[in-house]
PDB file of N, CA and C in Angstrom:
ATOM      1  N   MET A   1      19.316   1.197 -36.347  1.00  0.00           N
ATOM      2  CA  MET A   1      19.017   0.007 -35.578  1.00  0.00           C
ATOM      3  C   MET A   1      17.902   0.340 -34.588  1.00  0.00           C
ATOM      4  N   ALA A   2      16.798  -0.325 -34.710  1.00  0.00           N
ATOM      5  CA  ALA A   2      15.634  -0.029 -33.867  1.00  0.00           C
ATOM      6  C   ALA A   2      15.708  -0.715 -32.517  1.00  0.00           C
ATOM      7  N   GLY A   3      16.307  -1.880 -32.447  1.00  0.00           N
ATOM      8  CA  GLY A   3      16.362  -2.597 -31.184  1.00  0.00           C
ATOM      9  C   GLY A   3      15.829  -4.000 -31.325  1.00  0.00           C
ATOM     10  N   LYS A   4      15.667  -4.641 -30.193  1.00  0.00           N
ATOM     11  CA  LYS A   4      15.273  -6.046 -30.169  1.00  0.00           C
ATOM     12  C   LYS A   4      14.185  -6.267 -29.126  1.00  0.00           C
ATOM     13  N   ARG A   5      13.378  -7.299 -29.332  1.00  0.00           N
ATOM     14  CA  ARG A   5      12.246  -7.607 -28.446  1.00  0.00           C
ATOM     15  C   ARG A   5      12.270  -9.097 -28.133  1.00  0.00           C
ATOM     16  N   SER A   6      12.050  -9.438 -26.846  1.00  0.00           N
ATOM     17  CA  SER A   6      12.016 -10.847 -26.437  1.00  0.00           C
ATOM     18  C   SER A   6      10.957 -11.052 -25.369  1.00  0.00           C
ATOM     19  N   ASP A   7      10.224 -12.154 -25.483  1.00  0.00           N
ATOM     20  CA  ASP A   7       9.312 -12.581 -24.426  1.00  0.00           C
ATOM     21  C   ASP A   7      10.077 -13.564 -23.554  1.00  0.00           C
ATOM     22  N   LEU A   8       9.894 -13.451 -22.230  1.00  0.00           N
ATOM     23  CA  LEU A   8      10.608 -14.338 -21.329  1.00  0.00           C
ATOM     24  C   LEU A   8       9.842 -14.516 -20.033  1.00  0.00           C
ATOM     25  N   ASN A   9      10.262 -15.510 -19.268  1.00  0.00           N
ATOM     26  CA  ASN A   9       9.679 -15.766 -17.959  1.00  0.00           C
ATOM     27  C   ASN A   9      10.684 -15.292 -16.914  1.00  0.00           C
ATOM     28  N   ALA A  10      10.287 -14.340 -16.091  1.00  0.00           N
ATOM     29  CA  ALA A  10      11.172 -13.760 -15.077  1.00  0.00           C
ATOM     30  C   ALA A  10      10.575 -13.951 -13.685  1.00  0.00           C
ATOM     31  N   PRO A  11      10.577 -15.196 -13.165  1.00  0.00           N
ATOM     32  CA  PRO A  11       9.977 -15.429 -11.851  1.00  0.00           C
ATOM     33  C   PRO A  11      10.698 -14.693 -10.729  1.00  0.00           C
ATOM     34  N   GLY A  12      11.989 -14.401 -10.906  1.00  0.00           N
ATOM     35  CA  GLY A  12      12.736 -13.643  -9.909  1.00  0.00           C
ATOM     36  C   GLY A  12      12.487 -12.154 -10.007  1.00  0.00           C
ATOM     37  N   GLY A  13      11.907 -11.730 -11.113  1.00  0.00           N
ATOM     38  CA  GLY A  13      11.509 -10.348 -11.278  1.00  0.00           C
ATOM     39  C   GLY A  13      12.496  -9.483 -12.020  1.00  0.00           C
ATOM     40  N   VAL A  14      11.967  -8.366 -12.494  1.00  0.00           N
ATOM     41  CA  VAL A  14      12.736  -7.319 -13.155  1.00  0.00           C
ATOM     42  C   VAL A  14      12.422  -6.026 -12.406  1.00  0.00           C
ATOM     43  N   MET A  15      13.456  -5.344 -11.888  1.00  0.00           N
ATOM     44  CA  MET A  15      13.249  -4.090 -11.165  1.00  0.00           C
ATOM     45  C   MET A  15      13.016  -2.966 -12.174  1.00  0.00           C
ATOM     46  N   THR A  16      11.943  -2.200 -11.941  1.00  0.00           N
ATOM     47  CA  THR A  16      11.619  -1.069 -12.806  1.00  0.00           C
ATOM     48  C   THR A  16      11.622   0.226 -12.005  1.00  0.00           C
ATOM     49  N   ASP A  17      11.834   1.329 -12.702  1.00  0.00           N
ATOM     50  CA  ASP A  17      11.832   2.643 -12.046  1.00  0.00           C
ATOM     51  C   ASP A  17      10.438   3.043 -11.585  1.00  0.00           C
ATOM     52  N   GLU A  18       9.433   2.659 -12.351  1.00  0.00           N
ATOM     53  CA  GLU A  18       8.086   3.159 -12.109  1.00  0.00           C
ATOM     54  C   GLU A  18       7.296   2.379 -11.058  1.00  0.00           C
ATOM     55  N   VAL A  19       7.379   1.049 -11.078  1.00  0.00           N
ATOM     56  CA  VAL A  19       6.509   0.247 -10.208  1.00  0.00           C
ATOM     57  C   VAL A  19       7.247  -0.790  -9.367  1.00  0.00           C
ATOM     58  N   GLY A  20       8.560  -0.726  -9.323  1.00  0.00           N
ATOM     59  CA  GLY A  20       9.312  -1.731  -8.585  1.00  0.00           C
ATOM     60  C   GLY A  20       9.443  -3.013  -9.396  1.00  0.00           C
ATOM     61  N   VAL A  21       9.377  -4.145  -8.723  1.00  0.00           N
ATOM     62  CA  VAL A  21       9.623  -5.436  -9.373  1.00  0.00           C
ATOM     63  C   VAL A  21       8.369  -5.935 -10.085  1.00  0.00           C
ATOM     64  N   ILE A  22       8.554  -6.387 -11.332  1.00  0.00           N
ATOM     65  CA  ILE A  22       7.487  -7.130 -12.008  1.00  0.00           C
ATOM     66  C   ILE A  22       8.020  -8.531 -12.261  1.00  0.00           C
ATOM     67  N   THR A  23       7.132  -9.519 -12.163  1.00  0.00           N
ATOM     68  CA  THR A  23       7.539 -10.916 -12.271  1.00  0.00           C
ATOM     69  C   THR A  23       6.660 -11.657 -13.263  1.00  0.00           C
ATOM     70  N   GLY A  24       7.117 -12.830 -13.643  1.00  0.00           N
ATOM     71  CA  GLY A  24       6.318 -13.689 -14.511  1.00  0.00           C
ATOM     72  C   GLY A  24       6.627 -13.486 -15.976  1.00  0.00           C
ATOM     73  N   GLU A  25       5.614 -13.668 -16.809  1.00  0.00           N
ATOM     74  CA  GLU A  25       5.766 -13.543 -18.258  1.00  0.00           C
ATOM     75  C   GLU A  25       5.857 -12.063 -18.625  1.00  0.00           C
ATOM     76  N   VAL A  26       6.994 -11.673 -19.193  1.00  0.00           N
ATOM     77  CA  VAL A  26       7.226 -10.278 -19.546  1.00  0.00           C
ATOM     78  C   VAL A  26       7.797 -10.189 -20.959  1.00  0.00           C
ATOM     79  N   THR A  27       7.749  -8.985 -21.503  1.00  0.00           N
ATOM     80  CA  THR A  27       8.391  -8.677 -22.776  1.00  0.00           C
ATOM     81  C   THR A  27       9.455  -7.626 -22.509  1.00  0.00           C
ATOM     82  N   LEU A  28      10.674  -7.899 -22.966  1.00  0.00           N
ATOM     83  CA  LEU A  28      11.796  -6.983 -22.822  1.00  0.00           C
ATOM     84  C   LEU A  28      12.121  -6.388 -24.181  1.00  0.00           C
ATOM     85  N   VAL A  29      12.304  -5.066 -24.213  1.00  0.00           N
ATOM     86  CA  VAL A  29      12.676  -4.382 -25.450  1.00  0.00           C
ATOM     87  C   VAL A  29      13.930  -3.566 -25.202  1.00  0.00           C
ATOM     88  N   SER A  30      14.866  -3.651 -26.148  1.00  0.00           N
ATOM     89  CA  SER A  30      16.051  -2.802 -26.157  1.00  0.00           C
ATOM     90  C   SER A  30      15.847  -1.770 -27.250  1.00  0.00           C
ATOM     91  N   GLU A  31      15.784  -0.501 -26.858  1.00  0.00           N
ATOM     92  CA  GLU A  31      15.610   0.574 -27.828  1.00  0.00           C
ATOM     93  C   GLU A  31      16.950   1.258 -28.032  1.00  0.00           C
ATOM     94  N   VAL A  32      17.366   1.384 -29.289  1.00  0.00           N
ATOM     95  CA  VAL A  32      18.664   1.961 -29.619  1.00  0.00           C
ATOM     96  C   VAL A  32      18.468   3.332 -30.254  1.00  0.00           C
ATOM     97  N   SER A  33      19.208   4.312 -29.724  1.00  0.00           N
ATOM     98  CA  SER A  33      19.214   5.655 -30.288  1.00  0.00           C
ATOM     99  C   SER A  33      20.663   6.129 -30.316  1.00  0.00           C
ATOM    100  N   GLY A  34      21.256   6.121 -31.493  1.00  0.00           N
ATOM    101  CA  GLY A  34      22.676   6.435 -31.593  1.00  0.00           C
ATOM    102  C   GLY A  34      23.473   5.360 -30.875  1.00  0.00           C
ATOM    103  N   LYS A  35      24.255   5.766 -29.874  1.00  0.00           N
ATOM    104  CA  LYS A  35      25.034   4.809 -29.079  1.00  0.00           C
ATOM    105  C   LYS A  35      24.341   4.451 -27.772  1.00  0.00           C
ATOM    106  N   ASP A  36      23.169   5.044 -27.517  1.00  0.00           N
ATOM    107  CA  ASP A  36      22.440   4.786 -26.275  1.00  0.00           C
ATOM    108  C   ASP A  36      21.449   3.644 -26.439  1.00  0.00           C
ATOM    109  N   VAL A  37      21.397   2.780 -25.433  1.00  0.00           N
ATOM    110  CA  VAL A  37      20.442   1.678 -25.395  1.00  0.00           C
ATOM    111  C   VAL A  37      19.624   1.823 -24.117  1.00  0.00           C
ATOM    112  N   THR A  38      18.298   1.738 -24.262  1.00  0.00           N
ATOM    113  CA  THR A  38      17.387   1.798 -23.120  1.00  0.00           C
ATOM    114  C   THR A  38      16.580   0.514 -23.081  1.00  0.00           C
ATOM    115  N   LEU A  39      16.559  -0.137 -21.913  1.00  0.00           N
ATOM    116  CA  LEU A  39      15.789  -1.366 -21.731  1.00  0.00           C
ATOM    117  C   LEU A  39      14.447  -1.023 -21.092  1.00  0.00           C
ATOM    118  N   THR A  40      13.373  -1.502 -21.713  1.00  0.00           N
ATOM    119  CA  THR A  40      12.040  -1.349 -21.149  1.00  0.00           C
ATOM    120  C   THR A  40      11.383  -2.721 -21.081  1.00  0.00           C
ATOM    121  N   VAL A  41      10.401  -2.837 -20.191  1.00  0.00           N
ATOM    122  CA  VAL A  41       9.758  -4.128 -19.958  1.00  0.00           C
ATOM    123  C   VAL A  41       8.274  -3.899 -19.704  1.00  0.00           C
ATOM    124  N   GLN A  42       7.483  -4.902 -20.037  1.00  0.00           N
ATOM    125  CA  GLN A  42       6.050  -4.873 -19.749  1.00  0.00           C
ATOM    126  C   GLN A  42       5.612  -6.284 -19.399  1.00  0.00           C
ATOM    127  N   TYR A  43       4.494  -6.369 -18.651  1.00  0.00           N
ATOM    128  CA  TYR A  43       3.871  -7.681 -18.534  1.00  0.00           C
ATOM    129  C   TYR A  43       3.457  -8.076 -19.942  1.00  0.00           C
ATOM    130  N   LYS A  44       3.661  -9.328 -20.305  1.00  0.00           N
ATOM    131  CA  LYS A  44       3.382  -9.777 -21.669  1.00  0.00           C
ATOM    132  C   LYS A  44       1.969  -9.369 -22.088  1.00  0.00           C
ATOM    133  N   ASP A  45       1.882  -8.720 -23.230  1.00  0.00           N
ATOM    134  CA  ASP A  45       0.635  -8.282 -23.859  1.00  0.00           C
ATOM    135  C   ASP A  45      -0.078  -7.149 -23.117  1.00  0.00           C
ATOM    136  N   ALA A  46       0.561  -6.533 -22.134  1.00  0.00           N
ATOM    137  CA  ALA A  46      -0.039  -5.386 -21.437  1.00  0.00           C
ATOM    138  C   ALA A  46       0.215  -4.111 -22.246  1.00  0.00           C
ATOM    139  N   ALA A  47      -0.447  -3.042 -21.882  1.00  0.00           N
ATOM    140  CA  ALA A  47      -0.279  -1.770 -22.577  1.00  0.00           C
ATOM    141  C   ALA A  47       0.840  -0.925 -21.970  1.00  0.00           C
ATOM    142  N   GLU A  48       1.099  -1.085 -20.676  1.00  0.00           N
ATOM    143  CA  GLU A  48       2.054  -0.231 -19.981  1.00  0.00           C
ATOM    144  C   GLU A  48       3.481  -0.749 -20.126  1.00  0.00           C
ATOM    145  N   TRP A  49       4.409   0.175 -20.375  1.00  0.00           N
ATOM    146  CA  TRP A  49       5.838  -0.133 -20.438  1.00  0.00           C
ATOM    147  C   TRP A  49       6.541   0.549 -19.282  1.00  0.00           C
ATOM    148  N   TYR A  50       7.596  -0.092 -18.761  1.00  0.00           N
ATOM    149  CA  TYR A  50       8.357   0.430 -17.635  1.00  0.00           C
ATOM    150  C   TYR A  50       9.845   0.413 -17.975  1.00  0.00           C
ATOM    151  N   HIS A  51      10.582   1.384 -17.454  1.00  0.00           N
ATOM    152  CA  HIS A  51      12.027   1.435 -17.643  1.00  0.00           C
ATOM    153  C   HIS A  51      12.703   0.491 -16.653  1.00  0.00           C
ATOM    154  N   VAL A  52      13.584  -0.362 -17.159  1.00  0.00           N
ATOM    155  CA  VAL A  52      14.345  -1.259 -16.298  1.00  0.00           C
ATOM    156  C   VAL A  52      15.330  -0.410 -15.496  1.00  0.00           C
ATOM    157  N   THR A  53      15.353  -0.592 -14.187  1.00  0.00           N
ATOM    158  CA  THR A  53      16.260   0.163 -13.329  1.00  0.00           C
ATOM    159  C   THR A  53      17.707  -0.130 -13.736  1.00  0.00           C
ATOM    160  N   GLY A  54      18.455   0.920 -14.001  1.00  0.00           N
ATOM    161  CA  GLY A  54      19.837   0.774 -14.455  1.00  0.00           C
ATOM    162  C   GLY A  54      19.942   0.334 -15.896  1.00  0.00           C
ATOM    163  N   GLY A  55      18.831   0.385 -16.626  1.00  0.00           N
ATOM    164  CA  GLY A  55      18.768  -0.148 -17.983  1.00  0.00           C
ATOM    165  C   GLY A  55      19.006   0.861 -19.079  1.00  0.00           C
ATOM    166  N   LYS A  56      19.822   1.884 -18.829  1.00  0.00           N
ATOM    167  CA  LYS A  56      20.208   2.799 -19.899  1.00  0.00           C
ATOM    168  C   LYS A  56      21.726   2.858 -19.920  1.00  0.00           C
ATOM    169  N   VAL A  57      22.306   2.514 -21.064  1.00  0.00           N
ATOM    170  CA  VAL A  57      23.759   2.509 -21.211  1.00  0.00           C
ATOM    171  C   VAL A  57      24.163   3.158 -22.524  1.00  0.00           C
ATOM    172  N   THR A  58      25.383   3.650 -22.553  1.00  0.00           N
ATOM    173  CA  THR A  58      25.978   4.163 -23.778  1.00  0.00           C
ATOM    174  C   THR A  58      27.045   3.179 -24.208  1.00  0.00           C
ATOM    175  N   LEU A  59      26.938   2.708 -25.431  1.00  0.00           N
ATOM    176  CA  LEU A  59      27.870   1.718 -25.956  1.00  0.00           C
ATOM    177  C   LEU A  59      28.940   2.388 -26.805  1.00  0.00           C
ATOM    178  N   ALA A  60      30.125   1.811 -26.825  1.00  0.00           N
ATOM    179  CA  ALA A  60      31.186   2.306 -27.702  1.00  0.00           C
ATOM    180  C   ALA A  60      30.804   2.061 -29.168  1.00  0.00           C
ATOM    181  N   ASP A  61      30.102   0.944 -29.405  1.00  0.00           N
ATOM    182  CA  ASP A  61      29.685   0.576 -30.756  1.00  0.00           C
ATOM    183  C   ASP A  61      28.221   0.155 -30.710  1.00  0.00           C
ATOM    184  N   PRO A  62      27.319   0.883 -31.387  1.00  0.00           N
ATOM    185  CA  PRO A  62      25.900   0.521 -31.366  1.00  0.00           C
ATOM    186  C   PRO A  62      25.615  -0.904 -31.844  1.00  0.00           C
ATOM    187  N   ALA A  63      26.531  -1.480 -32.600  1.00  0.00           N
ATOM    188  CA  ALA A  63      26.346  -2.861 -33.062  1.00  0.00           C
ATOM    189  C   ALA A  63      26.334  -3.849 -31.895  1.00  0.00           C
ATOM    190  N   ASP A  64      26.828  -3.428 -30.727  1.00  0.00           N
ATOM    191  CA  ASP A  64      26.839  -4.299 -29.549  1.00  0.00           C
ATOM    192  C   ASP A  64      25.481  -4.367 -28.859  1.00  0.00           C
ATOM    193  N   ALA A  65      24.514  -3.609 -29.312  1.00  0.00           N
ATOM    194  CA  ALA A  65      23.193  -3.579 -28.673  1.00  0.00           C
ATOM    195  C   ALA A  65      22.529  -4.953 -28.684  1.00  0.00           C
ATOM    196  N   ASP A  66      22.667  -5.702 -29.755  1.00  0.00           N
ATOM    197  CA  ASP A  66      22.073  -7.044 -29.812  1.00  0.00           C
ATOM    198  C   ASP A  66      22.699  -7.967 -28.773  1.00  0.00           C
ATOM    199  N   VAL A  67      24.008  -7.859 -28.588  1.00  0.00           N
ATOM    200  CA  VAL A  67      24.701  -8.680 -27.592  1.00  0.00           C
ATOM    201  C   VAL A  67      24.214  -8.305 -26.195  1.00  0.00           C
ATOM    202  N   LEU A  68      24.074  -7.012 -25.919  1.00  0.00           N
ATOM    203  CA  LEU A  68      23.569  -6.557 -24.628  1.00  0.00           C
ATOM    204  C   LEU A  68      22.168  -7.103 -24.372  1.00  0.00           C
ATOM    205  N   HIS A  69      21.307  -7.029 -25.376  1.00  0.00           N
ATOM    206  CA  HIS A  69      19.944  -7.541 -25.234  1.00  0.00           C
ATOM    207  C   HIS A  69      19.959  -9.038 -24.925  1.00  0.00           C
ATOM    208  N   ASP A  70      20.701  -9.802 -25.719  1.00  0.00           N
ATOM    209  CA  ASP A  70      20.756 -11.251 -25.535  1.00  0.00           C
ATOM    210  C   ASP A  70      21.316 -11.619 -24.161  1.00  0.00           C
ATOM    211  N   PHE A  71      22.325 -10.877 -23.702  1.00  0.00           N
ATOM    212  CA  PHE A  71      22.901 -11.121 -22.384  1.00  0.00           C
ATOM    213  C   PHE A  71      21.873 -10.840 -21.290  1.00  0.00           C
ATOM    214  N   THR A  72      21.130  -9.747 -21.424  1.00  0.00           N
ATOM    215  CA  THR A  72      20.109  -9.398 -20.439  1.00  0.00           C
ATOM    216  C   THR A  72      19.034 -10.476 -20.384  1.00  0.00           C
ATOM    217  N   VAL A  73      18.595 -10.945 -21.529  1.00  0.00           N
ATOM    218  CA  VAL A  73      17.600 -12.020 -21.577  1.00  0.00           C
ATOM    219  C   VAL A  73      18.146 -13.260 -20.876  1.00  0.00           C
ATOM    220  N   SER A  74      19.414 -13.594 -21.120  1.00  0.00           N
ATOM    221  CA  SER A  74      19.979 -14.800 -20.495  1.00  0.00           C
ATOM    222  C   SER A  74      20.042 -14.671 -18.976  1.00  0.00           C
ATOM    223  N   LEU A  75      20.197 -13.461 -18.457  1.00  0.00           N
ATOM    224  CA  LEU A  75      20.207 -13.260 -17.008  1.00  0.00           C
ATOM    225  C   LEU A  75      18.817 -13.352 -16.401  1.00  0.00           C
ATOM    226  N   LEU A  76      17.806 -12.864 -17.128  1.00  0.00           N
ATOM    227  CA  LEU A  76      16.454 -12.761 -16.573  1.00  0.00           C
ATOM    228  C   LEU A  76      15.570 -13.974 -16.829  1.00  0.00           C
ATOM    229  N   HIS A  77      15.758 -14.631 -17.970  1.00  0.00           N
ATOM    230  CA  HIS A  77      14.864 -15.714 -18.383  1.00  0.00           C
ATOM    231  C   HIS A  77      15.112 -16.976 -17.572  1.00  0.00           C
ATOM    232  N   ARG A  78      14.094 -17.410 -16.878  1.00  0.00           N
ATOM    233  CA  ARG A  78      14.161 -18.625 -16.070  1.00  0.00           C
ATOM    234  C   ARG A  78      12.931 -19.476 -16.340  1.00  0.00           C
ATOM    235  N   PRO A  79      12.949 -20.245 -17.448  1.00  0.00           N
ATOM    236  CA  PRO A  79      11.785 -21.074 -17.754  1.00  0.00           C
ATOM    237  C   PRO A  79      11.569 -22.105 -16.646  1.00  0.00           C
ATOM    238  N   GLU A  80      10.314 -22.427 -16.454  1.00  0.00           N
ATOM    239  CA  GLU A  80       9.981 -23.393 -15.389  1.00  0.00           C
ATOM    240  C   GLU A  80      10.304 -24.802 -15.823  1.00  0.00           C
TER     241      GLU A  80
END
């Protein structure tokens, strides 16, 4: 399972380890490796990727990674 990718509008922002909060149109990716899921984000169509603060978890079942991704998108996405 490679993971999932979503474009969303995050006017409230997404906290990252590298640069603090990024806001606006972003792309969120969930990368799955075994039972570990890592969330990364970028400004939409930018080259740089950032780790979402607190965005690395170990799941009991890797099949739950899609649910985690969809839940994260539902928390962050705030269309105007």
